Amino acid sequence: MSTVLTETRDHIAWVTLNRPEAMNALSMQLRADLAAAMRAAEADPDVRVVVVRGAGDRAFCVGADIKEFVEVPSPPAYRQARVPESWISPFDHTKKPIIASIHGHCLGGGLEVALACDIRIAAEDASFGLPETGLGIMTGVGGSQRLPRMVGLAQALDMILTGDRIDGKRAREIGLVTRVVPRADLAAETEALALRLAARPPTAMAFAKEAVRAAQDLPLRDGMRLEVDLLTHLLNTEDRLEAARAFREKRKPQFTGR
């Protein structure tokens, strides 16, 4: 059985972590399959939005598969295996919007997967945490870097140092997720959001994502220069002209990504 399932419909790639019996723990095979699925979605011209979710009723993902931690690699071997590219890297290289649809447990590396997505929508019963320090280790695929950028230094330190879990409501309050819905509505709300994004101009979406992501690292002046460069390119696209025509003709635009 594949550890990651992928289905594409209506310009949406549904990427499902598929180890429900292990609460979608990140085995080495699942990591490799997830990276491959994300690369395939980025390369597929029919895909405009990617949704990452977990199979089963209990968890989005509980993080690393502890059974595989029995044999710990030496520090040099670990570093060589992780740098400069890791299994999470395709998330950073994907120009298309990525939605994390989160239910149940979202812990450790599972939360780091969610943090690598662009939009996080969670069920009210979702539980978030980074328990690594209690195991004598720490985050390893961006948790210590992405989380402070989203929720601030103090909140990030609180979660990482204590290992305490927070629920969906609290996650929304601190900015960890942007949308919280009843568990029964999660699938429908996720699909509705994905369809909305997929209906928008693909190139404009990709450029907007690039500009916002760059804001984390660029000085303001450089970021504004990038913004103008990207906008200038968009002004000459067919999608921009189609949007103007559709507005005049009072109809829905049909975007092609050109």
Foldseek 3Di string as FASTA:
>chain_A
DQQWDWDDDLLEIEIERPPVVQQSADEVRSLQVLLVSLVVLLVDLSHQEYEYAYDDQAWRYAYHDVVVPPDPDDPVVVCVQPPPHGSLVSLVVRLHAYEYQTEHEQEAVSLVSRLSGDAYEYEQAYKYAYQVVVVVGFHDRQLLPSVCVFQNDVVSCVRGVVRDIDGPVVCCVRRVHVHYHHPVCRVVVVVVVSSVSSLAARLVSSLVVVLVVCVVPDDPVVSVVSVVVSVVVVVPDPQVVQVVVCVVVVHRGHHSND
